[in-house]
Amino acid sequence: MIEIKPTKKLLFEFVNDLREPDLLEFKQVYKDNSLEEFYNVCLDNNHYTYFLLTDDFKPLALGGAYCIDYNKSIARVWLLSSNQIKNNRINLYKYIKEKIIFFKNEYKLLYNFIFKTNFGSLNWLKTYGFNVLDINNKDYKLFYFSKGENNFDIRYFTCE
């Protein structure tokens, strides 16, 4: 795997090859499929973003973490992967495991939402120490990792 800065061309290829659960999440966030907006988010230096290619230079995964504005010890982690994951799953999981360790050292609280039918990702997150919380929104689950005493109620993110 190769980590690079994303280009518009590679992001377009990536979005067109997203695996189905990730395409649903992408469409939820970028309803108008604005590649320009997505590209700008990926290049935002205030957040940590990584873009991975397969060894034969096909877009594989895009992920990262970004701090919430009012508390720099809390970050929303995310990952999207293309259909190339089928042949690169083991290497990708090893790579992401290292990123999760890095993020756990950098932040006191990590979180995000995931479609509750995305069982592969839910199981994978649990193996790396994330907790999963059912929420009133029937389509999503909240996953989170909390390090020690952070005096923050995770239910804040659920709006419940």
N, C-alpha and C. Protein backbone atom coordinates (compact mmCIF):
# COMPACT_ATOMS: atom_id res chain seq x y z
N MET A 1 0.83 -1.18 0.00
CA MET A 1 0.00 0.00 0.00
C MET A 1 0.87 1.24 0.00
N ILE A 2 0.34 2.29 -0.60
CA ILE A 2 1.06 3.53 -0.74
C ILE A 2 0.18 4.65 -0.18
N GLU A 3 0.74 5.48 0.70
CA GLU A 3 -0.01 6.63 1.22
C GLU A 3 0.42 7.87 0.43
N ILE A 4 -0.57 8.59 -0.11
CA ILE A 4 -0.29 9.81 -0.87
C ILE A 4 -1.33 10.88 -0.52
N LYS A 5 -1.08 12.10 -0.99
CA LYS A 5 -2.09 13.16 -0.94
C LYS A 5 -3.06 12.90 -2.08
N PRO A 6 -4.36 13.02 -1.83
CA PRO A 6 -5.32 12.73 -2.90
C PRO A 6 -5.33 13.82 -3.97
N THR A 7 -5.56 13.40 -5.19
CA THR A 7 -5.80 14.33 -6.30
C THR A 7 -7.28 14.23 -6.65
N LYS A 8 -7.78 15.22 -7.38
CA LYS A 8 -9.19 15.17 -7.79
C LYS A 8 -9.46 13.94 -8.65
N LYS A 9 -8.55 13.64 -9.53
CA LYS A 9 -8.73 12.48 -10.41
C LYS A 9 -8.83 11.19 -9.61
N LEU A 10 -7.91 11.01 -8.67
CA LEU A 10 -7.93 9.79 -7.87
C LEU A 10 -9.15 9.74 -6.95
N LEU A 11 -9.57 10.89 -6.42
CA LEU A 11 -10.77 10.91 -5.59
C LEU A 11 -12.01 10.54 -6.40
N PHE A 12 -12.08 11.00 -7.64
CA PHE A 12 -13.20 10.66 -8.50
C PHE A 12 -13.22 9.15 -8.75
N GLU A 13 -12.06 8.57 -9.04
CA GLU A 13 -11.96 7.12 -9.22
C GLU A 13 -12.39 6.40 -7.94
N PHE A 14 -11.92 6.91 -6.82
CA PHE A 14 -12.23 6.31 -5.52
C PHE A 14 -13.73 6.32 -5.25
N VAL A 15 -14.36 7.46 -5.40
CA VAL A 15 -15.80 7.59 -5.14
C VAL A 15 -16.59 6.67 -6.06
N ASN A 16 -16.16 6.53 -7.29
CA ASN A 16 -16.88 5.67 -8.24
C ASN A 16 -16.68 4.19 -7.96
N ASP A 17 -15.75 3.85 -7.07
CA ASP A 17 -15.50 2.44 -6.75
C ASP A 17 -15.72 2.15 -5.25
N LEU A 18 -16.42 3.05 -4.55
CA LEU A 18 -16.67 2.80 -3.12
C LEU A 18 -17.48 1.53 -2.94
N ARG A 19 -17.15 0.78 -1.88
CA ARG A 19 -17.96 -0.39 -1.58
C ARG A 19 -19.33 0.10 -1.10
N GLU A 20 -20.34 -0.71 -1.24
CA GLU A 20 -21.72 -0.28 -1.03
C GLU A 20 -21.98 0.40 0.32
N PRO A 21 -21.57 -0.18 1.47
CA PRO A 21 -21.83 0.51 2.74
C PRO A 21 -21.18 1.89 2.82
N ASP A 22 -19.99 2.03 2.24
CA ASP A 22 -19.30 3.31 2.27
C ASP A 22 -19.93 4.31 1.31
N LEU A 23 -20.44 3.83 0.20
CA LEU A 23 -21.15 4.72 -0.73
C LEU A 23 -22.39 5.30 -0.07
N LEU A 24 -23.11 4.50 0.71
CA LEU A 24 -24.28 5.00 1.43
C LEU A 24 -23.88 6.10 2.41
N GLU A 25 -22.79 5.89 3.13
CA GLU A 25 -22.33 6.90 4.08
C GLU A 25 -21.86 8.16 3.35
N PHE A 26 -21.16 7.98 2.25
CA PHE A 26 -20.69 9.13 1.46
C PHE A 26 -21.88 9.96 0.98
N LYS A 27 -22.90 9.30 0.45
CA LYS A 27 -24.08 10.02 -0.05
C LYS A 27 -24.83 10.72 1.07
N GLN A 28 -24.78 10.16 2.27
CA GLN A 28 -25.45 10.79 3.41
C GLN A 28 -24.78 12.13 3.75
N VAL A 29 -23.45 12.15 3.70
CA VAL A 29 -22.70 13.36 4.05
C VAL A 29 -22.66 14.34 2.88
N TYR A 30 -22.42 13.83 1.68
CA TYR A 30 -22.28 14.68 0.49
C TYR A 30 -23.46 14.43 -0.43
N LYS A 31 -24.61 14.91 -0.02
CA LYS A 31 -25.86 14.64 -0.72
C LYS A 31 -25.83 15.03 -2.19
N ASP A 32 -25.16 16.13 -2.49
CA ASP A 32 -25.10 16.56 -3.88
C ASP A 32 -23.90 15.98 -4.61
N ASN A 33 -23.23 15.02 -3.95
CA ASN A 33 -22.05 14.37 -4.52
C ASN A 33 -20.99 15.38 -4.96
N SER A 34 -20.83 16.42 -4.19
CA SER A 34 -19.88 17.47 -4.52
C SER A 34 -18.45 16.97 -4.33
N LEU A 35 -17.83 16.62 -5.41
CA LEU A 35 -16.44 16.16 -5.35
C LEU A 35 -15.52 17.28 -4.90
N GLU A 36 -15.84 18.51 -5.29
CA GLU A 36 -15.02 19.66 -4.89
C GLU A 36 -15.01 19.82 -3.37
N GLU A 37 -16.18 19.73 -2.75
CA GLU A 37 -16.29 19.84 -1.30
C GLU A 37 -15.52 18.69 -0.62
N PHE A 38 -15.71 17.49 -1.13
CA PHE A 38 -15.02 16.32 -0.59
C PHE A 38 -13.51 16.48 -0.71
N TYR A 39 -13.06 16.96 -1.85
CA TYR A 39 -11.63 17.19 -2.08
C TYR A 39 -11.07 18.21 -1.08
N ASN A 40 -11.79 19.30 -0.85
CA ASN A 40 -11.34 20.32 0.09
C ASN A 40 -11.27 19.78 1.51
N VAL A 41 -12.22 18.95 1.91
CA VAL A 41 -12.18 18.33 3.23
C VAL A 41 -10.93 17.45 3.36
N CYS A 42 -10.63 16.71 2.32
CA CYS A 42 -9.47 15.81 2.35
C CYS A 42 -8.14 16.56 2.46
N LEU A 43 -8.10 17.77 1.96
CA LEU A 43 -6.87 18.55 1.99
C LEU A 43 -6.78 19.51 3.17
N ASP A 44 -7.81 19.57 3.99
CA ASP A 44 -7.84 20.48 5.13
C ASP A 44 -6.72 20.13 6.11
N ASN A 45 -5.80 21.03 6.32
CA ASN A 45 -4.65 20.77 7.19
C ASN A 45 -4.99 20.76 8.67
N ASN A 46 -6.20 21.15 9.03
CA ASN A 46 -6.61 21.12 10.43
C ASN A 46 -6.98 19.71 10.88
N HIS A 47 -7.05 18.80 9.96
CA HIS A 47 -7.46 17.44 10.25
C HIS A 47 -6.39 16.48 9.74
N TYR A 48 -6.39 15.29 10.30
CA TYR A 48 -5.44 14.27 9.85
C TYR A 48 -6.16 13.37 8.85
N THR A 49 -5.69 13.36 7.61
CA THR A 49 -6.31 12.54 6.57
C THR A 49 -5.24 11.72 5.87
N TYR A 50 -5.56 10.48 5.58
CA TYR A 50 -4.65 9.64 4.80
C TYR A 50 -5.41 9.01 3.64
N PHE A 51 -4.72 8.86 2.52
CA PHE A 51 -5.29 8.29 1.31
C PHE A 51 -4.36 7.17 0.87
N LEU A 52 -4.93 5.99 0.67
CA LEU A 52 -4.11 4.82 0.34
C LEU A 52 -4.41 4.30 -1.05
N LEU A 53 -3.36 3.89 -1.72
CA LEU A 53 -3.47 3.23 -3.02
C LEU A 53 -3.00 1.79 -2.87
N THR A 54 -3.48 0.94 -3.74
CA THR A 54 -2.96 -0.42 -3.78
C THR A 54 -1.55 -0.37 -4.39
N ASP A 55 -0.85 -1.48 -4.35
CA ASP A 55 0.50 -1.51 -4.93
C ASP A 55 0.50 -1.25 -6.43
N ASP A 56 -0.65 -1.48 -7.08
CA ASP A 56 -0.75 -1.16 -8.51
C ASP A 56 -1.48 0.17 -8.74
N PHE A 57 -1.45 1.05 -7.73
CA PHE A 57 -1.90 2.45 -7.80
C PHE A 57 -3.39 2.65 -8.02
N LYS A 58 -4.20 1.73 -7.50
CA LYS A 58 -5.65 1.91 -7.53
C LYS A 58 -6.11 2.44 -6.17
N PRO A 59 -7.05 3.39 -6.15
CA PRO A 59 -7.53 3.93 -4.87
C PRO A 59 -8.13 2.84 -3.99
N LEU A 60 -7.65 2.76 -2.74
CA LEU A 60 -8.07 1.71 -1.82
C LEU A 60 -8.88 2.24 -0.65
N ALA A 61 -8.37 3.24 0.05
CA ALA A 61 -9.05 3.72 1.25
C ALA A 61 -8.68 5.17 1.53
N LEU A 62 -9.59 5.82 2.21
CA LEU A 62 -9.41 7.19 2.62
C LEU A 62 -9.97 7.31 4.02
N GLY A 63 -9.20 7.86 4.93
CA GLY A 63 -9.67 7.96 6.30
C GLY A 63 -8.95 9.04 7.06
N GLY A 64 -9.28 9.12 8.34
CA GLY A 64 -8.60 10.11 9.16
C GLY A 64 -9.33 10.40 10.44
N ALA A 65 -8.97 11.53 11.02
CA ALA A 65 -9.59 12.00 12.26
C ALA A 65 -9.60 13.51 12.21
N TYR A 66 -10.66 14.09 12.73
CA TYR A 66 -10.66 15.54 12.87
C TYR A 66 -11.28 15.94 14.20
N CYS A 67 -10.65 16.94 14.78
CA CYS A 67 -11.07 17.42 16.10
C CYS A 67 -12.37 18.20 15.99
N ILE A 68 -13.16 18.11 17.03
CA ILE A 68 -14.33 18.98 17.06
C ILE A 68 -13.85 20.35 17.54
N ASP A 69 -14.50 21.39 17.08
CA ASP A 69 -14.02 22.77 17.29
C ASP A 69 -13.85 23.16 18.74
N TYR A 70 -14.74 22.75 19.59
CA TYR A 70 -14.74 23.25 20.97
C TYR A 70 -13.94 22.37 21.94
N ASN A 71 -13.39 21.25 21.48
CA ASN A 71 -12.61 20.40 22.38
C ASN A 71 -11.61 19.59 21.55
N LYS A 72 -10.36 20.02 21.57
CA LYS A 72 -9.33 19.40 20.73
C LYS A 72 -8.90 18.01 21.21
N SER A 73 -9.47 17.53 22.31
CA SER A 73 -9.14 16.18 22.77
C SER A 73 -10.15 15.15 22.25
N ILE A 74 -11.12 15.62 21.47
CA ILE A 74 -12.16 14.75 20.91
C ILE A 74 -12.06 14.79 19.39
N ALA A 75 -12.05 13.61 18.77
CA ALA A 75 -11.94 13.55 17.31
C ALA A 75 -12.95 12.57 16.74
N ARG A 76 -13.44 12.92 15.59
CA ARG A 76 -14.32 12.03 14.84
C ARG A 76 -13.42 11.27 13.87
N VAL A 77 -13.40 9.95 14.00
CA VAL A 77 -12.58 9.12 13.11
C VAL A 77 -13.46 8.58 11.99
N TRP A 78 -12.87 8.36 10.84
CA TRP A 78 -13.66 7.89 9.71
C TRP A 78 -12.78 7.12 8.73
N LEU A 79 -13.44 6.29 7.95
CA LEU A 79 -12.75 5.51 6.93
C LEU A 79 -13.75 5.13 5.85
N LEU A 80 -13.36 5.33 4.63
CA LEU A 80 -14.11 4.85 3.47
C LEU A 80 -13.17 3.94 2.69
N SER A 81 -13.71 2.88 2.11
CA SER A 81 -12.86 1.99 1.32
C SER A 81 -13.54 1.64 0.00
N SER A 82 -12.71 1.36 -0.97
CA SER A 82 -13.20 0.99 -2.30
C SER A 82 -13.38 -0.52 -2.39
N ASN A 83 -13.86 -0.97 -3.50
CA ASN A 83 -14.02 -2.40 -3.73
C ASN A 83 -12.67 -3.11 -3.82
N GLN A 84 -11.58 -2.33 -3.90
CA GLN A 84 -10.24 -2.92 -3.92
C GLN A 84 -9.90 -3.60 -2.59
N ILE A 85 -10.70 -3.35 -1.59
CA ILE A 85 -10.46 -3.96 -0.27
C ILE A 85 -10.51 -5.49 -0.34
N LYS A 86 -11.25 -6.01 -1.29
CA LYS A 86 -11.39 -7.47 -1.41
C LYS A 86 -10.04 -8.17 -1.49
N ASN A 87 -9.10 -7.57 -2.19
CA ASN A 87 -7.78 -8.19 -2.37
C ASN A 87 -6.71 -7.60 -1.46
N ASN A 88 -7.09 -6.65 -0.61
CA ASN A 88 -6.09 -5.95 0.20
C ASN A 88 -6.49 -5.83 1.66
N ARG A 89 -7.46 -6.62 2.09
CA ARG A 89 -8.06 -6.50 3.42
C ARG A 89 -7.03 -6.63 4.55
N ILE A 90 -6.19 -7.64 4.52
CA ILE A 90 -5.26 -7.89 5.62
C ILE A 90 -4.27 -6.74 5.76
N ASN A 91 -3.68 -6.31 4.66
CA ASN A 91 -2.73 -5.19 4.72
C ASN A 91 -3.40 -3.90 5.16
N LEU A 92 -4.62 -3.67 4.69
CA LEU A 92 -5.34 -2.47 5.08
C LEU A 92 -5.63 -2.49 6.58
N TYR A 93 -6.08 -3.62 7.11
CA TYR A 93 -6.40 -3.70 8.53
C TYR A 93 -5.15 -3.49 9.39
N LYS A 94 -4.02 -4.01 8.96
CA LYS A 94 -2.77 -3.79 9.70
C LYS A 94 -2.41 -2.31 9.71
N TYR A 95 -2.56 -1.68 8.57
CA TYR A 95 -2.25 -0.25 8.44
C TYR A 95 -3.16 0.58 9.34
N ILE A 96 -4.45 0.29 9.28
CA ILE A 96 -5.42 1.06 10.05
C ILE A 96 -5.24 0.81 11.55
N LYS A 97 -4.86 -0.38 11.92
CA LYS A 97 -4.61 -0.66 13.33
C LYS A 97 -3.55 0.31 13.88
N GLU A 98 -2.50 0.54 13.10
CA GLU A 98 -1.46 1.50 13.51
C GLU A 98 -2.03 2.90 13.62
N LYS A 99 -2.91 3.29 12.71
CA LYS A 99 -3.53 4.62 12.76
C LYS A 99 -4.40 4.74 14.00
N ILE A 100 -5.14 3.70 14.32
CA ILE A 100 -6.01 3.74 15.51
C ILE A 100 -5.16 3.90 16.76
N ILE A 101 -4.06 3.19 16.85
CA ILE A 101 -3.16 3.34 18.00
C ILE A 101 -2.67 4.78 18.09
N PHE A 102 -2.29 5.36 16.96
CA PHE A 102 -1.86 6.76 16.91
C PHE A 102 -2.97 7.69 17.40
N PHE A 103 -4.19 7.50 16.88
CA PHE A 103 -5.32 8.36 17.27
C PHE A 103 -5.66 8.20 18.75
N LYS A 104 -5.58 6.98 19.26
CA LYS A 104 -5.88 6.75 20.68
C LYS A 104 -4.86 7.48 21.57
N ASN A 105 -3.63 7.62 21.10
CA ASN A 105 -2.63 8.36 21.86
C ASN A 105 -2.83 9.87 21.75
N GLU A 106 -3.36 10.33 20.64
CA GLU A 106 -3.53 11.76 20.39
C GLU A 106 -4.78 12.35 21.05
N TYR A 107 -5.84 11.55 21.15
CA TYR A 107 -7.14 12.07 21.59
C TYR A 107 -7.67 11.28 22.77
N LYS A 108 -8.48 11.93 23.60
CA LYS A 108 -9.10 11.26 24.74
C LYS A 108 -10.37 10.52 24.35
N LEU A 109 -11.03 11.02 23.30
CA LEU A 109 -12.29 10.42 22.87
C LEU A 109 -12.34 10.39 21.35
N LEU A 110 -12.62 9.21 20.81
CA LEU A 110 -12.80 9.02 19.37
C LEU A 110 -14.23 8.53 19.15
N TYR A 111 -14.86 8.97 18.08
CA TYR A 111 -16.24 8.55 17.83
C TYR A 111 -16.59 8.69 16.35
N ASN A 112 -17.70 8.09 15.98
CA ASN A 112 -18.37 8.31 14.71
C ASN A 112 -19.63 7.46 14.68
N PHE A 113 -20.39 7.61 13.62
CA PHE A 113 -21.60 6.83 13.40
C PHE A 113 -21.35 5.89 12.24
N ILE A 114 -22.04 4.76 12.25
CA ILE A 114 -21.89 3.79 11.18
C ILE A 114 -23.26 3.16 10.92
N PHE A 115 -23.53 2.87 9.66
CA PHE A 115 -24.78 2.18 9.35
C PHE A 115 -24.80 0.87 10.12
N LYS A 116 -25.92 0.59 10.77
CA LYS A 116 -25.96 -0.60 11.63
C LYS A 116 -25.93 -1.90 10.84
N THR A 117 -26.10 -1.84 9.52
CA THR A 117 -25.98 -3.05 8.71
C THR A 117 -24.55 -3.28 8.21
N ASN A 118 -23.65 -2.40 8.56
CA ASN A 118 -22.26 -2.53 8.16
C ASN A 118 -21.53 -3.42 9.17
N PHE A 119 -21.93 -4.70 9.20
CA PHE A 119 -21.48 -5.64 10.22
C PHE A 119 -19.98 -5.86 10.22
N GLY A 120 -19.37 -5.91 9.05
CA GLY A 120 -17.92 -6.10 8.99
C GLY A 120 -17.18 -5.00 9.72
N SER A 121 -17.55 -3.78 9.47
CA SER A 121 -16.90 -2.66 10.13
C SER A 121 -17.21 -2.62 11.62
N LEU A 122 -18.45 -2.91 11.98
CA LEU A 122 -18.82 -2.93 13.40
C LEU A 122 -18.01 -3.96 14.18
N ASN A 123 -17.88 -5.15 13.63
CA ASN A 123 -17.09 -6.19 14.30
C ASN A 123 -15.62 -5.82 14.38
N TRP A 124 -15.12 -5.25 13.30
CA TRP A 124 -13.72 -4.84 13.26
C TRP A 124 -13.45 -3.77 14.30
N LEU A 125 -14.35 -2.78 14.42
CA LEU A 125 -14.17 -1.71 15.41
C LEU A 125 -14.17 -2.26 16.83
N LYS A 126 -15.01 -3.23 17.09
CA LYS A 126 -15.07 -3.83 18.43
C LYS A 126 -13.74 -4.50 18.78
N THR A 127 -13.11 -5.15 17.79
CA THR A 127 -11.84 -5.83 18.08
C THR A 127 -10.73 -4.85 18.43
N TYR A 128 -10.87 -3.59 18.02
CA TYR A 128 -9.86 -2.58 18.32
C TYR A 128 -10.26 -1.68 19.48
N GLY A 129 -11.18 -2.16 20.32
CA GLY A 129 -11.47 -1.48 21.58
C GLY A 129 -12.54 -0.43 21.54
N PHE A 130 -13.27 -0.33 20.43
CA PHE A 130 -14.36 0.63 20.36
C PHE A 130 -15.63 0.02 20.94
N ASN A 131 -16.43 0.85 21.58
CA ASN A 131 -17.73 0.44 22.06
C ASN A 131 -18.77 0.86 21.04
N VAL A 132 -19.90 0.15 21.02
CA VAL A 132 -20.97 0.48 20.10
C VAL A 132 -22.22 0.76 20.90
N LEU A 133 -22.90 1.85 20.55
CA LEU A 133 -24.09 2.28 21.27
C LEU A 133 -25.25 2.37 20.29
N ASP A 134 -26.34 1.63 20.58
CA ASP A 134 -27.55 1.78 19.79
C ASP A 134 -28.16 3.14 20.09
N ILE A 135 -28.66 3.80 19.07
CA ILE A 135 -29.28 5.11 19.26
C ILE A 135 -30.68 5.09 18.68
N ASN A 136 -31.44 6.14 18.94
CA ASN A 136 -32.82 6.20 18.47
C ASN A 136 -32.92 6.19 16.95
N ASN A 137 -31.92 6.74 16.26
CA ASN A 137 -31.91 6.68 14.81
C ASN A 137 -31.70 5.22 14.41
N LYS A 138 -32.70 4.62 13.83
CA LYS A 138 -32.69 3.18 13.56
C LYS A 138 -31.67 2.75 12.51
N ASP A 139 -31.14 3.71 11.74
CA ASP A 139 -30.21 3.37 10.66
C ASP A 139 -28.74 3.33 11.10
N TYR A 140 -28.43 3.94 12.23
CA TYR A 140 -27.03 4.10 12.63
C TYR A 140 -26.78 3.54 14.02
N LYS A 141 -25.49 3.30 14.27
CA LYS A 141 -24.99 3.03 15.62
C LYS A 141 -23.84 4.01 15.84
N LEU A 142 -23.65 4.36 17.09
CA LEU A 142 -22.54 5.23 17.46
C LEU A 142 -21.41 4.34 17.97
N PHE A 143 -20.22 4.50 17.41
CA PHE A 143 -19.07 3.78 17.97
C PHE A 143 -18.13 4.81 18.58
N TYR A 144 -17.49 4.41 19.67
CA TYR A 144 -16.62 5.36 20.36
C TYR A 144 -15.55 4.63 21.16
N PHE A 145 -14.48 5.36 21.43
CA PHE A 145 -13.41 4.91 22.31
C PHE A 145 -13.13 6.06 23.26
N SER A 146 -13.14 5.78 24.54
CA SER A 146 -12.90 6.80 25.55
C SER A 146 -11.71 6.38 26.41
N LYS A 147 -10.77 7.30 26.55
CA LYS A 147 -9.56 7.02 27.31
C LYS A 147 -9.64 7.72 28.66
N GLY A 148 -9.81 6.94 29.72
CA GLY A 148 -9.80 7.50 31.06
C GLY A 148 -10.96 8.42 31.35
N GLU A 149 -10.76 9.28 32.30
CA GLU A 149 -11.79 10.24 32.71
C GLU A 149 -11.73 11.45 31.80
N ASN A 150 -12.75 11.63 30.98
CA ASN A 150 -12.76 12.81 30.14
C ASN A 150 -13.94 13.74 30.43
N ASN A 151 -14.77 13.36 31.39
CA ASN A 151 -15.90 14.20 31.80
C ASN A 151 -16.76 14.64 30.62
N PHE A 152 -16.96 13.74 29.69
CA PHE A 152 -17.77 14.05 28.52
C PHE A 152 -18.82 12.96 28.35
N ASP A 153 -20.07 13.34 28.23
CA ASP A 153 -21.16 12.39 28.06
C ASP A 153 -21.31 12.07 26.58
N ILE A 154 -21.03 10.84 26.21
CA ILE A 154 -21.08 10.41 24.81
C ILE A 154 -22.46 10.60 24.20
N ARG A 155 -23.49 10.64 25.02
CA ARG A 155 -24.84 10.84 24.49
C ARG A 155 -25.01 12.19 23.82
N TYR A 156 -24.08 13.11 24.06
CA TYR A 156 -24.12 14.42 23.41
C TYR A 156 -24.19 14.26 21.88
N PHE A 157 -23.45 13.30 21.35
CA PHE A 157 -23.38 13.10 19.92
C PHE A 157 -24.66 12.52 19.33
N THR A 158 -25.47 11.89 20.17
CA THR A 158 -26.69 11.25 19.68
C THR A 158 -27.87 12.21 19.60
N CYS A 159 -27.75 13.37 20.23
CA CYS A 159 -28.85 14.36 20.30
C CYS A 159 -30.08 13.75 20.97
N GLU A 160 -29.88 12.81 21.86
CA GLU A 160 -30.99 12.17 22.55
C GLU A 160 -31.09 12.64 23.97
